[in-house]
Amino acid sequence: MNSKIIIFSAPSGSGKSTIIRHLLQEADLNLAFSISTTSRAPRGTEKDGVEYYFITVEDFKRKIAENAFVEWQEVYAGNYYGTYQSEIDRLSSQGKNIIFDLDVFGGINLKKHFGAQALSIFIQPPTLEELRRRLEHRNTETVEKIEMRIAKAQYEMEQAIHFDKVIINDDLSQSVAEALQMVRNFLNQ
């Protein structure tokens, strides 16, 4: 596989998906988005095969048993997320560099799997209070889910040391520029 791997991880609401969308618009990077698989229900306007491949918990567990995933995690009780090996193979066969939007532990595991072939970037919110504000502003989660995400975010932020680079997303345009420079430098090595 000649593709390079770019991994973005962060607590939910930190801005990683927004940064990734900006990077995907940069034609010279030759990026393709790896669609993860999840057992959770779609949120808002999410569509199967676009943001995620949505499958049942039973199907997810069957795919685990079949070794279909290069990495997977039970991120929240009953909500599994993973990356199909076939998705990586599909994008690599197109000659693309592959960009991932993964939970923190999925990002750590994928970096371990690909080693120097991958760049792992952790997007960190400036504060937990700002993260809470962003999650509330998204208006896609219940108060209980937001509290669960904030509690998890504190632990996830402690994992930033396992990533190649950390961007504190306090100013989106600055964070996008910083991510773009990091990715360009990595792809030009």
Foldseek 3Di string as FASTA:
>chain_A
DPAFEEEEAAQPLLCPVVLVVVLVVPVVQQEDEFAKAKQDDDFDPDDDPPNHPHDHLVVVVVCVVVVQFLDKDCPDVRMIITGGPVSVVVSVVVVGHYYYYDYLVRLLSVCVVCPLSYAYEYEYEPDLVVSLVSVVVVVGDDPVVSVVSSVVNVVSVVSRVSGPYYHHPPDPVVSSVVVNVVSVVSVVD
